[in-house]
Amino acid sequence: PDYARDKVFQKFYSLARPGSGKRSTGLGLAFVQEIAQQHGGKAMLENAAEGGALATLVLPVARQPG
């Protein structure tokens, strides 16, 4: 949901899964974002037009010397 989009990268934030109501630890996306930032990249999450979510991970390409 829109209200959760900015919170999903926070440690321990978790939404109930549709159907089962179960929750995760809330650490997965927080780790993804932290690792992406440490490598000069970023992680993004947005609503997909056809439903669900679209997750994007952007990492810079290392240039080879020479």
Protein backbone atom coordinates (compact mmCIF):
# COMPACT_ATOMS: atom_id res chain seq x y z
CA PRO A 1 0.00 0.00 0.00
CA ASP A 2 1.05 3.61 -0.58
CA TYR A 3 1.24 4.35 3.16
CA ALA A 4 3.89 1.64 3.61
CA ARG A 5 6.12 2.39 0.61
CA ASP A 6 8.51 4.67 2.55
CA LYS A 7 8.53 2.35 5.59
CA VAL A 8 9.37 -1.00 3.96
CA PHE A 9 13.11 -0.24 4.04
CA GLN A 10 13.06 0.38 7.80
CA LYS A 11 14.40 -2.41 10.00
CA PHE A 12 11.68 -4.58 11.55
CA TYR A 13 8.81 -3.00 9.56
CA SER A 14 6.56 -5.74 8.23
CA LEU A 15 3.13 -5.97 6.66
CA ALA A 16 0.82 -8.94 7.04
CA ARG A 17 0.93 -11.17 3.95
CA PRO A 18 -2.32 -11.34 2.01
CA GLY A 19 -4.19 -14.58 2.62
CA SER A 20 -2.10 -15.90 5.51
CA GLY A 21 -1.72 -12.79 7.67
CA LYS A 22 1.81 -13.92 8.57
CA ARG A 23 4.58 -11.36 8.96
CA SER A 24 8.28 -11.51 8.15
CA THR A 25 11.13 -10.29 10.34
CA GLY A 26 11.18 -7.01 8.46
CA LEU A 27 14.91 -7.20 7.80
CA GLY A 28 15.20 -8.26 4.15
CA LEU A 29 14.60 -4.94 2.39
CA ALA A 30 16.50 -3.05 5.10
CA PHE A 31 19.56 -5.20 4.33
CA VAL A 32 19.11 -4.75 0.58
CA GLN A 33 18.99 -0.97 0.95
CA GLU A 34 22.00 -0.85 3.27
CA ILE A 35 24.16 -2.99 0.98
CA ALA A 36 23.07 -1.01 -2.10
CA GLN A 37 24.01 2.27 -0.41
CA GLN A 38 27.39 0.91 0.69
CA HIS A 39 28.13 0.18 -2.98
CA GLY A 40 26.97 3.59 -4.21
CA GLY A 41 23.59 2.34 -5.42
CA LYS A 42 20.00 2.44 -4.31
CA ALA A 43 16.96 0.23 -3.83
CA MET A 44 13.47 1.36 -4.82
CA LEU A 45 9.98 -0.07 -4.51
CA GLU A 46 6.85 1.08 -6.32
CA ASN A 47 3.39 -0.19 -7.13
CA ALA A 48 3.23 -2.13 -10.39
CA ALA A 49 0.54 -1.05 -12.86
CA GLU A 50 -0.84 -4.61 -13.12
CA GLY A 51 -0.87 -5.06 -9.34
CA GLY A 52 1.76 -6.09 -6.85
CA ALA A 53 5.08 -4.32 -6.44
CA LEU A 54 8.07 -3.55 -8.61
CA ALA A 55 11.43 -3.68 -6.83
CA THR A 56 14.46 -2.08 -8.48
CA LEU A 57 18.08 -2.39 -7.40
CA VAL A 58 20.57 0.02 -9.01
CA LEU A 59 24.30 -0.58 -8.61
CA PRO A 60 27.08 1.32 -10.37
CA VAL A 61 29.26 -0.48 -12.88
CA ALA A 62 32.93 -0.67 -11.93
CA ARG A 63 35.24 0.67 -14.62
CA GLN A 64 38.20 -1.45 -15.60
CA PRO A 65 41.57 0.35 -15.58
CA GLY A 66 43.24 0.82 -18.93
